[in-house]
Each structure stands twice: as C-alpha cells, then as structure tokens.
Amino acid sequence: VVARGGRGGRGNARFATPQRKAPRLAEKGEPGERRWLKL
C-alpha cells in the first residue's frame, strides 16, 4: 500500500453524551495520503 485512504468522518450519533444529547455536528471525511513515487 503506497497511499492509504482517509478514514470516514464520524456521524452525530458518535458525539452523543449524557450532557450533549442532541449534537448537531459531524466530521467530514479525512483526505487520503498523497505522494509522488519514483519507481
């Protein structure tokens, strides 16, 4: 593997806590690795 994909963003269900029962935030997806290779 020479360039790994970015992880998916978490939905708002992952941010729910007893103190924050209705979170209205979610993460965007992480960009994948990028590089130039010399073969």
PDB file of all heavy atoms in Angstrom:
ATOM      1  N   VAL A   1       0.858  -1.184   0.000  1.00  0.00           N
ATOM      2  CA  VAL A   1       0.000   0.000   0.000  1.00  0.00           C
ATOM      3  C   VAL A   1       0.893   1.232   0.000  1.00  0.00           C
ATOM      4  O   VAL A   1       1.701   1.420   0.914  1.00  0.00           O
ATOM      5  CB  VAL A   1      -0.935   0.014   1.225  1.00  0.00           C
ATOM      6  CG1 VAL A   1      -1.771   1.290   1.246  1.00  0.00           C
ATOM      7  CG2 VAL A   1      -1.851  -1.205   1.225  1.00  0.00           C
ATOM      8  N   VAL A   2       0.773   2.062  -1.024  1.00  0.00           N
ATOM      9  CA  VAL A   2       1.627   3.243  -1.132  1.00  0.00           C
ATOM     10  C   VAL A   2       0.883   4.533  -0.817  1.00  0.00           C
ATOM     11  O   VAL A   2       1.515   5.582  -0.647  1.00  0.00           O
ATOM     12  CB  VAL A   2       2.249   3.327  -2.538  1.00  0.00           C
ATOM     13  CG1 VAL A   2       3.270   2.210  -2.753  1.00  0.00           C
ATOM     14  CG2 VAL A   2       1.187   3.278  -3.626  1.00  0.00           C
ATOM     15  N   ALA A   3      -0.446   4.497  -0.744  1.00  0.00           N
ATOM     16  CA  ALA A   3      -1.231   5.677  -0.366  1.00  0.00           C
ATOM     17  C   ALA A   3      -2.507   5.182   0.299  1.00  0.00           C
ATOM     18  O   ALA A   3      -3.390   4.632  -0.376  1.00  0.00           O
ATOM     19  CB  ALA A   3      -1.545   6.541  -1.578  1.00  0.00           C
ATOM     20  N   ARG A   4      -2.606   5.358   1.591  1.00  0.00           N
ATOM     21  CA  ARG A   4      -3.778   4.875   2.328  1.00  0.00           C
ATOM     22  C   ARG A   4      -4.931   5.870   2.196  1.00  0.00           C
ATOM     23  O   ARG A   4      -4.734   7.079   2.164  1.00  0.00           O
ATOM     24  CB  ARG A   4      -3.440   4.667   3.810  1.00  0.00           C
ATOM     25  CG  ARG A   4      -2.388   3.584   4.024  1.00  0.00           C
ATOM     26  CD  ARG A   4      -2.287   3.185   5.485  1.00  0.00           C
ATOM     27  NE  ARG A   4      -1.327   2.106   5.662  1.00  0.00           N
ATOM     28  CZ  ARG A   4      -1.611   0.826   5.474  1.00  0.00           C
ATOM     29  NH1 ARG A   4      -2.838   0.477   5.125  1.00  0.00           N
ATOM     30  NH2 ARG A   4      -0.690  -0.099   5.647  1.00  0.00           N
ATOM     31  N   GLY A   5      -6.122   5.312   2.155  1.00  0.00           N
ATOM     32  CA  GLY A   5      -7.303   6.158   2.111  1.00  0.00           C
ATOM     33  C   GLY A   5      -7.574   6.807   3.450  1.00  0.00           C
ATOM     34  O   GLY A   5      -7.187   6.285   4.506  1.00  0.00           O
ATOM     35  N   GLY A   6      -8.228   7.955   3.424  1.00  0.00           N
ATOM     36  CA  GLY A   6      -8.577   8.642   4.659  1.00  0.00           C
ATOM     37  C   GLY A   6      -9.739   7.959   5.370  1.00  0.00           C
ATOM     38  O   GLY A   6     -10.582   7.317   4.739  1.00  0.00           O
ATOM     39  N   ARG A   7      -9.803   8.121   6.683  1.00  0.00           N
ATOM     40  CA  ARG A   7     -10.893   7.499   7.421  1.00  0.00           C
ATOM     41  C   ARG A   7     -12.168   8.312   7.234  1.00  0.00           C
ATOM     42  O   ARG A   7     -12.134   9.516   6.984  1.00  0.00           O
ATOM     43  CB  ARG A   7     -10.551   7.345   8.897  1.00  0.00           C
ATOM     44  CG  ARG A   7     -10.473   8.635   9.689  1.00  0.00           C
ATOM     45  CD  ARG A   7     -10.166   8.318  11.152  1.00  0.00           C
ATOM     46  NE  ARG A   7     -10.085   9.510  11.978  1.00  0.00           N
ATOM     47  CZ  ARG A   7     -11.130  10.078  12.558  1.00  0.00           C
ATOM     48  NH1 ARG A   7     -12.341   9.583  12.387  1.00  0.00           N
ATOM     49  NH2 ARG A   7     -10.974  11.155  13.310  1.00  0.00           N
ATOM     50  N   GLY A   8     -13.297   7.650   7.354  1.00  0.00           N
ATOM     51  CA  GLY A   8     -14.567   8.344   7.215  1.00  0.00           C
ATOM     52  C   GLY A   8     -14.860   9.219   8.422  1.00  0.00           C
ATOM     53  O   GLY A   8     -14.431   8.928   9.546  1.00  0.00           O
ATOM     54  N   GLY A   9     -15.584  10.284   8.188  1.00  0.00           N
ATOM     55  CA  GLY A   9     -15.964  11.165   9.289  1.00  0.00           C
ATOM     56  C   GLY A   9     -17.030  10.532  10.175  1.00  0.00           C
ATOM     57  O   GLY A   9     -17.851   9.733   9.717  1.00  0.00           O
ATOM     58  N   ARG A  10     -17.012  10.881  11.439  1.00  0.00           N
ATOM     59  CA  ARG A  10     -17.996  10.343  12.372  1.00  0.00           C
ATOM     60  C   ARG A  10     -19.316  11.093  12.257  1.00  0.00           C
ATOM     61  O   ARG A  10     -19.337  12.313  12.125  1.00  0.00           O
ATOM     62  CB  ARG A  10     -17.466  10.422  13.800  1.00  0.00           C
ATOM     63  CG  ARG A  10     -16.271   9.518  14.069  1.00  0.00           C
ATOM     64  CD  ARG A  10     -15.706   9.726  15.468  1.00  0.00           C
ATOM     65  NE  ARG A  10     -15.093  11.031  15.607  1.00  0.00           N
ATOM     66  CZ  ARG A  10     -14.534  11.496  16.730  1.00  0.00           C
ATOM     67  NH1 ARG A  10     -14.549  10.727  17.822  1.00  0.00           N
ATOM     68  NH2 ARG A  10     -13.988  12.681  16.774  1.00  0.00           N
ATOM     69  N   GLY A  11     -20.416  10.345  12.315  1.00  0.00           N
ATOM     70  CA  GLY A  11     -21.734  10.969  12.325  1.00  0.00           C
ATOM     71  C   GLY A  11     -22.089  11.500  13.701  1.00  0.00           C
ATOM     72  O   GLY A  11     -21.405  11.226  14.693  1.00  0.00           O
ATOM     73  N   ASN A  12     -23.211  12.239  13.759  1.00  0.00           N
ATOM     74  CA  ASN A  12     -23.509  12.887  15.045  1.00  0.00           C
ATOM     75  C   ASN A  12     -23.907  11.888  16.127  1.00  0.00           C
ATOM     76  O   ASN A  12     -23.847  12.202  17.319  1.00  0.00           O
ATOM     77  CB  ASN A  12     -24.595  13.946  14.863  1.00  0.00           C
ATOM     78  CG  ASN A  12     -25.966  13.352  14.530  1.00  0.00           C
ATOM     79  OD1 ASN A  12     -26.055  12.297  13.908  1.00  0.00           O
ATOM     80  ND2 ASN A  12     -27.030  14.052  14.930  1.00  0.00           N
ATOM     81  N   ALA A  13     -24.271  10.656  15.754  1.00  0.00           N
ATOM     82  CA  ALA A  13     -24.574   9.661  16.783  1.00  0.00           C
ATOM     83  C   ALA A  13     -23.347   9.351  17.629  1.00  0.00           C
ATOM     84  O   ALA A  13     -23.473   8.967  18.791  1.00  0.00           O
ATOM     85  CB  ALA A  13     -25.099   8.374  16.131  1.00  0.00           C
ATOM     86  N   ARG A  14     -22.162   9.546  17.049  1.00  0.00           N
ATOM     87  CA  ARG A  14     -20.929   9.243  17.780  1.00  0.00           C
ATOM     88  C   ARG A  14     -20.583  10.337  18.792  1.00  0.00           C
ATOM     89  O   ARG A  14     -19.701  10.130  19.632  1.00  0.00           O
ATOM     90  CB  ARG A  14     -19.772   9.078  16.789  1.00  0.00           C
ATOM     91  CG  ARG A  14     -19.960   7.958  15.782  1.00  0.00           C
ATOM     92  CD  ARG A  14     -19.657   6.615  16.421  1.00  0.00           C
ATOM     93  NE  ARG A  14     -18.273   6.527  16.796  1.00  0.00           N
ATOM     94  CZ  ARG A  14     -17.281   6.166  15.979  1.00  0.00           C
ATOM     95  NH1 ARG A  14     -17.564   5.848  14.720  1.00  0.00           N
ATOM     96  NH2 ARG A  14     -16.047   6.115  16.410  1.00  0.00           N
ATOM     97  N   PHE A  15     -21.216  11.491  18.701  1.00  0.00           N
ATOM     98  CA  PHE A  15     -20.881  12.606  19.590  1.00  0.00           C
ATOM     99  C   PHE A  15     -21.888  12.769  20.726  1.00  0.00           C
ATOM    100  O   PHE A  15     -21.790  13.708  21.507  1.00  0.00           O
ATOM    101  CB  PHE A  15     -20.803  13.911  18.796  1.00  0.00           C
ATOM    102  CG  PHE A  15     -19.643  13.966  17.843  1.00  0.00           C
ATOM    103  CD1 PHE A  15     -19.794  13.581  16.517  1.00  0.00           C
ATOM    104  CD2 PHE A  15     -18.395  14.377  18.268  1.00  0.00           C
ATOM    105  CE1 PHE A  15     -18.733  13.620  15.633  1.00  0.00           C
ATOM    106  CE2 PHE A  15     -17.324  14.418  17.397  1.00  0.00           C
ATOM    107  CZ  PHE A  15     -17.496  14.036  16.080  1.00  0.00           C
ATOM    108  N   ALA A  16     -22.874  11.871  20.808  1.00  0.00           N
ATOM    109  CA  ALA A  16     -23.885  11.975  21.854  1.00  0.00           C
ATOM    110  C   ALA A  16     -23.297  11.580  23.206  1.00  0.00           C
ATOM    111  O   ALA A  16     -22.591  10.572  23.322  1.00  0.00           O
ATOM    112  CB  ALA A  16     -25.079  11.091  21.519  1.00  0.00           C
ATOM    113  N   THR A  17     -23.572  12.387  24.213  1.00  0.00           N
ATOM    114  CA  THR A  17     -23.150  12.114  25.593  1.00  0.00           C
ATOM    115  C   THR A  17     -24.328  12.441  26.507  1.00  0.00           C
ATOM    116  O   THR A  17     -25.304  13.074  26.085  1.00  0.00           O
ATOM    117  CB  THR A  17     -21.939  12.975  25.994  1.00  0.00           C
ATOM    118  OG1 THR A  17     -22.341  14.363  26.016  1.00  0.00           O
ATOM    119  CG2 THR A  17     -20.780  12.796  25.011  1.00  0.00           C
ATOM    120  N   PRO A  18     -24.278  12.018  27.778  1.00  0.00           N
ATOM    121  CA  PRO A  18     -25.382  12.384  28.698  1.00  0.00           C
ATOM    122  C   PRO A  18     -25.563  13.897  28.815  1.00  0.00           C
ATOM    123  O   PRO A  18     -26.670  14.371  29.071  1.00  0.00           O
ATOM    124  CB  PRO A  18     -24.937  11.769  30.032  1.00  0.00           C
ATOM    125  CG  PRO A  18     -24.087  10.600  29.630  1.00  0.00           C
ATOM    126  CD  PRO A  18     -23.357  11.057  28.402  1.00  0.00           C
ATOM    127  N   GLN A  19     -24.464  14.644  28.643  1.00  0.00           N
ATOM    128  CA  GLN A  19     -24.585  16.102  28.721  1.00  0.00           C
ATOM    129  C   GLN A  19     -24.964  16.732  27.378  1.00  0.00           C
ATOM    130  O   GLN A  19     -25.538  17.812  27.339  1.00  0.00           O
ATOM    131  CB  GLN A  19     -23.258  16.724  29.203  1.00  0.00           C
ATOM    132  CG  GLN A  19     -22.875  16.380  30.632  1.00  0.00           C
ATOM    133  CD  GLN A  19     -22.355  14.963  30.785  1.00  0.00           C
ATOM    134  OE1 GLN A  19     -21.764  14.415  29.851  1.00  0.00           O
ATOM    135  NE2 GLN A  19     -22.580  14.357  31.950  1.00  0.00           N
ATOM    136  N   ARG A  20     -24.647  16.061  26.276  1.00  0.00           N
ATOM    137  CA  ARG A  20     -24.938  16.607  24.944  1.00  0.00           C
ATOM    138  C   ARG A  20     -25.759  15.551  24.202  1.00  0.00           C
ATOM    139  O   ARG A  20     -25.229  14.699  23.504  1.00  0.00           O
ATOM    140  CB  ARG A  20     -23.646  16.918  24.197  1.00  0.00           C
ATOM    141  CG  ARG A  20     -23.866  17.586  22.850  1.00  0.00           C
ATOM    142  CD  ARG A  20     -22.554  17.973  22.226  1.00  0.00           C
ATOM    143  NE  ARG A  20     -21.647  16.837  22.122  1.00  0.00           N
ATOM    144  CZ  ARG A  20     -20.332  16.924  22.038  1.00  0.00           C
ATOM    145  NH1 ARG A  20     -19.763  18.100  22.063  1.00  0.00           N
ATOM    146  NH2 ARG A  20     -19.579  15.847  21.951  1.00  0.00           N
ATOM    147  N   LYS A  21     -27.075  15.631  24.401  1.00  0.00           N
ATOM    148  CA  LYS A  21     -27.942  14.589  23.881  1.00  0.00           C
ATOM    149  C   LYS A  21     -28.356  14.817  22.441  1.00  0.00           C
ATOM    150  O   LYS A  21     -28.849  13.893  21.791  1.00  0.00           O
ATOM    151  CB  LYS A  21     -29.187  14.482  24.764  1.00  0.00           C
ATOM    152  CG  LYS A  21     -28.860  14.094  26.199  1.00  0.00           C
ATOM    153  CD  LYS A  21     -30.112  13.956  27.038  1.00  0.00           C
ATOM    154  CE  LYS A  21     -29.767  13.533  28.467  1.00  0.00           C
ATOM    155  NZ  LYS A  21     -30.976  13.394  29.310  1.00  0.00           N
ATOM    156  N   ALA A  22     -28.203  16.009  21.943  1.00  0.00           N
ATOM    157  CA  ALA A  22     -28.630  16.305  20.572  1.00  0.00           C
ATOM    158  C   ALA A  22     -27.511  17.019  19.812  1.00  0.00           C
ATOM    159  O   ALA A  22     -27.652  18.169  19.411  1.00  0.00           O
ATOM    160  CB  ALA A  22     -29.891  17.153  20.576  1.00  0.00           C
ATOM    161  N   PRO A  23     -26.362  16.350  19.622  1.00  0.00           N
ATOM    162  CA  PRO A  23     -25.270  17.014  18.897  1.00  0.00           C
ATOM    163  C   PRO A  23     -25.633  17.256  17.442  1.00  0.00           C
ATOM    164  O   PRO A  23     -26.232  16.394  16.785  1.00  0.00           O
ATOM    165  CB  PRO A  23     -24.122  16.004  19.021  1.00  0.00           C
ATOM    166  CG  PRO A  23     -24.790  14.684  19.192  1.00  0.00           C
ATOM    167  CD  PRO A  23     -26.032  14.969  19.990  1.00  0.00           C
ATOM    168  N   ARG A  24     -25.290  18.417  16.960  1.00  0.00           N
ATOM    169  CA  ARG A  24     -25.551  18.771  15.559  1.00  0.00           C
ATOM    170  C   ARG A  24     -24.242  18.928  14.787  1.00  0.00           C
ATOM    171  O   ARG A  24     -24.130  19.759  13.901  1.00  0.00           O
ATOM    172  CB  ARG A  24     -26.367  20.058  15.485  1.00  0.00           C
ATOM    173  CG  ARG A  24     -27.767  19.906  16.044  1.00  0.00           C
ATOM    174  CD  ARG A  24     -28.578  21.174  15.875  1.00  0.00           C
ATOM    175  NE  ARG A  24     -29.958  20.948  16.267  1.00  0.00           N
ATOM    176  CZ  ARG A  24     -30.908  20.476  15.455  1.00  0.00           C
ATOM    177  NH1 ARG A  24     -30.585  20.142  14.213  1.00  0.00           N
ATOM    178  NH2 ARG A  24     -32.134  20.295  15.883  1.00  0.00           N
ATOM    179  N   LEU A  25     -23.275  18.136  15.146  1.00  0.00           N
ATOM    180  CA  LEU A  25     -22.013  18.188  14.423  1.00  0.00           C
ATOM    181  C   LEU A  25     -21.639  16.805  13.933  1.00  0.00           C
ATOM    182  O   LEU A  25     -22.019  15.794  14.533  1.00  0.00           O
ATOM    183  CB  LEU A  25     -20.879  18.742  15.302  1.00  0.00           C
ATOM    184  CG  LEU A  25     -20.323  17.808  16.397  1.00  0.00           C
ATOM    185  CD1 LEU A  25     -18.858  18.092  16.618  1.00  0.00           C
ATOM    186  CD2 LEU A  25     -21.083  18.003  17.698  1.00  0.00           C
ATOM    187  N   ALA A  26     -20.949  16.780  12.832  1.00  0.00           N
ATOM    188  CA  ALA A  26     -20.386  15.553  12.269  1.00  0.00           C
ATOM    189  C   ALA A  26     -19.090  15.921  11.567  1.00  0.00           C
ATOM    190  O   ALA A  26     -18.872  17.077  11.199  1.00  0.00           O
ATOM    191  CB  ALA A  26     -21.364  14.895  11.299  1.00  0.00           C
ATOM    192  N   GLU A  27     -18.230  14.938  11.420  1.00  0.00           N
ATOM    193  CA  GLU A  27     -16.936  15.195  10.787  1.00  0.00           C
ATOM    194  C   GLU A  27     -17.011  14.984   9.280  1.00  0.00           C
ATOM    195  O   GLU A  27     -17.751  14.132   8.788  1.00  0.00           O
ATOM    196  CB  GLU A  27     -15.869  14.259  11.360  1.00  0.00           C
ATOM    197  CG  GLU A  27     -15.518  14.520  12.804  1.00  0.00           C
ATOM    198  CD  GLU A  27     -14.529  13.499  13.321  1.00  0.00           C
ATOM    199  OE1 GLU A  27     -14.561  12.343  12.869  1.00  0.00           O
ATOM    200  OE2 GLU A  27     -13.720  13.873  14.189  1.00  0.00           O
ATOM    201  N   LYS A  28     -16.219  15.753   8.579  1.00  0.00           N
ATOM    202  CA  LYS A  28     -16.012  15.495   7.154  1.00  0.00           C
ATOM    203  C   LYS A  28     -15.011  14.339   7.007  1.00  0.00           C
ATOM    204  O   LYS A  28     -14.285  14.002   7.935  1.00  0.00           O
ATOM    205  CB  LYS A  28     -15.473  16.747   6.461  1.00  0.00           C
ATOM    206  CG  LYS A  28     -16.430  17.923   6.490  1.00  0.00           C
ATOM    207  CD  LYS A  28     -15.777  19.195   6.001  1.00  0.00           C
ATOM    208  CE  LYS A  28     -15.403  19.110   4.548  1.00  0.00           C
ATOM    209  NZ  LYS A  28     -14.833  20.386   4.061  1.00  0.00           N
ATOM    210  N   GLY A  29     -14.975  13.743   5.835  1.00  0.00           N
ATOM    211  CA  GLY A  29     -14.039  12.662   5.599  1.00  0.00           C
ATOM    212  C   GLY A  29     -12.600  13.163   5.557  1.00  0.00           C
ATOM    213  O   GLY A  29     -12.323  14.275   5.109  1.00  0.00           O
ATOM    214  N   GLU A  30     -11.690  12.324   6.042  1.00  0.00           N
ATOM    215  CA  GLU A  30     -10.276  12.685   6.037  1.00  0.00           C
ATOM    216  C   GLU A  30      -9.695  12.491   4.634  1.00  0.00           C
ATOM    217  O   GLU A  30      -9.959  11.474   3.982  1.00  0.00           O
ATOM    218  CB  GLU A  30      -9.521  11.797   7.018  1.00  0.00           C
ATOM    219  CG  GLU A  30      -8.032  12.075   7.093  1.00  0.00           C
ATOM    220  CD  GLU A  30      -7.307  11.089   7.990  1.00  0.00           C
ATOM    221  OE1 GLU A  30      -7.873  10.021   8.288  1.00  0.00           O
ATOM    222  OE2 GLU A  30      -6.168  11.385   8.379  1.00  0.00           O
ATOM    223  N   PRO A  31      -8.908  13.445   4.144  1.00  0.00           N
ATOM    224  CA  PRO A  31      -8.256  13.243   2.836  1.00  0.00           C
ATOM    225  C   PRO A  31      -7.292  12.058   2.887  1.00  0.00           C
ATOM    226  O   PRO A  31      -6.691  11.767   3.917  1.00  0.00           O
ATOM    227  CB  PRO A  31      -7.502  14.565   2.608  1.00  0.00           C
ATOM    228  CG  PRO A  31      -8.169  15.554   3.513  1.00  0.00           C
ATOM    229  CD  PRO A  31      -8.644  14.775   4.701  1.00  0.00           C
ATOM    230  N   GLY A  32      -7.149  11.372   1.766  1.00  0.00           N
ATOM    231  CA  GLY A  32      -6.222  10.248   1.698  1.00  0.00           C
ATOM    232  C   GLY A  32      -4.783  10.709   1.583  1.00  0.00           C
ATOM    233  O   GLY A  32      -4.498  11.875   1.284  1.00  0.00           O
ATOM    234  N   GLU A  33      -3.859   9.789   1.843  1.00  0.00           N
ATOM    235  CA  GLU A  33      -2.443  10.105   1.671  1.00  0.00           C
ATOM    236  C   GLU A  33      -2.158  10.393   0.202  1.00  0.00           C
ATOM    237  O   GLU A  33      -2.762   9.808  -0.696  1.00  0.00           O
ATOM    238  CB  GLU A  33      -1.572   8.930   2.127  1.00  0.00           C
ATOM    239  CG  GLU A  33      -1.613   8.653   3.608  1.00  0.00           C
ATOM    240  CD  GLU A  33      -0.732   7.474   3.999  1.00  0.00           C
ATOM    241  OE1 GLU A  33      -0.337   6.707   3.110  1.00  0.00           O
ATOM    242  OE2 GLU A  33      -0.453   7.320   5.194  1.00  0.00           O
ATOM    243  N   ARG A  34      -1.223  11.266  -0.031  1.00  0.00           N
ATOM    244  CA  ARG A  34      -0.837  11.597  -1.402  1.00  0.00           C
ATOM    245  C   ARG A  34       0.665  11.815  -1.452  1.00  0.00           C
ATOM    246  O   ARG A  34       1.256  12.380  -0.533  1.00  0.00           O
ATOM    247  CB  ARG A  34      -1.589  12.837  -1.883  1.00  0.00           C
ATOM    248  CG  ARG A  34      -1.363  14.078  -1.032  1.00  0.00           C
ATOM    249  CD  ARG A  34      -2.319  15.190  -1.378  1.00  0.00           C
ATOM    250  NE  ARG A  34      -3.685  14.871  -0.976  1.00  0.00           N
ATOM    251  CZ  ARG A  34      -4.716  15.663  -1.219  1.00  0.00           C
ATOM    252  NH1 ARG A  34      -4.537  16.800  -1.869  1.00  0.00           N
ATOM    253  NH2 ARG A  34      -5.928  15.323  -0.817  1.00  0.00           N
ATOM    254  N   ARG A  35       1.271  11.343  -2.502  1.00  0.00           N
ATOM    255  CA  ARG A  35       2.721  11.497  -2.642  1.00  0.00           C
ATOM    256  C   ARG A  35       3.118  11.176  -4.079  1.00  0.00           C
ATOM    257  O   ARG A  35       2.395  10.520  -4.829  1.00  0.00           O
ATOM    258  CB  ARG A  35       3.473  10.556  -1.689  1.00  0.00           C
ATOM    259  CG  ARG A  35       3.078   9.083  -1.838  1.00  0.00           C
ATOM    260  CD  ARG A  35       4.143   8.141  -1.271  1.00  0.00           C
ATOM    261  NE  ARG A  35       4.468   8.375   0.101  1.00  0.00           N
ATOM    262  CZ  ARG A  35       4.121   7.596   1.112  1.00  0.00           C
ATOM    263  NH1 ARG A  35       3.385   6.519   0.886  1.00  0.00           N
ATOM    264  NH2 ARG A  35       4.503   7.848   2.330  1.00  0.00           N
ATOM    265  N   TRP A  36       4.303  11.653  -4.443  1.00  0.00           N
ATOM    266  CA  TRP A  36       4.935  11.270  -5.693  1.00  0.00           C
ATOM    267  C   TRP A  36       5.872  10.115  -5.416  1.00  0.00           C
ATOM    268  O   TRP A  36       6.619  10.134  -4.434  1.00  0.00           O
ATOM    269  CB  TRP A  36       5.702  12.440  -6.306  1.00  0.00           C
ATOM    270  CG  TRP A  36       4.842  13.388  -7.086  1.00  0.00           C
ATOM    271  CD1 TRP A  36       4.231  14.517  -6.628  1.00  0.00           C
ATOM    272  CD2 TRP A  36       4.494  13.277  -8.472  1.00  0.00           C
ATOM    273  NE1 TRP A  36       3.522  15.115  -7.633  1.00  0.00           N
ATOM    274  CE2 TRP A  36       3.673  14.384  -8.783  1.00  0.00           C
ATOM    275  CE3 TRP A  36       4.802  12.357  -9.474  1.00  0.00           C
ATOM    276  CZ2 TRP A  36       3.154  14.586 -10.059  1.00  0.00           C
ATOM    277  CZ3 TRP A  36       4.291  12.565 -10.742  1.00  0.00           C
ATOM    278  CH2 TRP A  36       3.480  13.656 -11.024  1.00  0.00           C
ATOM    279  N   LEU A  37       5.844   9.110  -6.281  1.00  0.00           N
ATOM    280  CA  LEU A  37       6.715   7.960  -6.148  1.00  0.00           C
ATOM    281  C   LEU A  37       7.692   7.907  -7.313  1.00  0.00           C
ATOM    282  O   LEU A  37       7.354   8.281  -8.436  1.00  0.00           O
ATOM    283  CB  LEU A  37       5.898   6.659  -6.143  1.00  0.00           C
ATOM    284  CG  LEU A  37       4.860   6.474  -5.048  1.00  0.00           C
ATOM    285  CD1 LEU A  37       4.126   5.162  -5.252  1.00  0.00           C
ATOM    286  CD2 LEU A  37       5.502   6.522  -3.664  1.00  0.00           C
ATOM    287  N   LYS A  38       8.888   7.419  -7.019  1.00  0.00           N
ATOM    288  CA  LYS A  38       9.857   7.131  -8.066  1.00  0.00           C
ATOM    289  C   LYS A  38      10.050   5.622  -8.105  1.00  0.00           C
ATOM    290  O   LYS A  38      10.436   5.011  -7.112  1.00  0.00           O
ATOM    291  CB  LYS A  38      11.196   7.821  -7.794  1.00  0.00           C
ATOM    292  CG  LYS A  38      12.223   7.592  -8.900  1.00  0.00           C
ATOM    293  CD  LYS A  38      13.505   8.372  -8.656  1.00  0.00           C
ATOM    294  CE  LYS A  38      14.499   8.145  -9.788  1.00  0.00           C
ATOM    295  NZ  LYS A  38      15.757   8.890  -9.577  1.00  0.00           N
ATOM    296  N   LEU A  39       9.762   5.024  -9.250  1.00  0.00           N
ATOM    297  CA  LEU A  39       9.881   3.581  -9.414  1.00  0.00           C
ATOM    298  C   LEU A  39      11.117   3.267 -10.240  1.00  0.00           C
ATOM    299  O   LEU A  39      11.350   3.890 -11.280  1.00  0.00           O
ATOM    300  CB  LEU A  39       8.638   3.013 -10.107  1.00  0.00           C
ATOM    301  CG  LEU A  39       7.283   3.377  -9.483  1.00  0.00           C
ATOM    302  CD1 LEU A  39       6.159   2.700 -10.247  1.00  0.00           C
ATOM    303  CD2 LEU A  39       7.237   2.981  -8.014  1.00  0.00           C
TER     304      LEU A  39
END
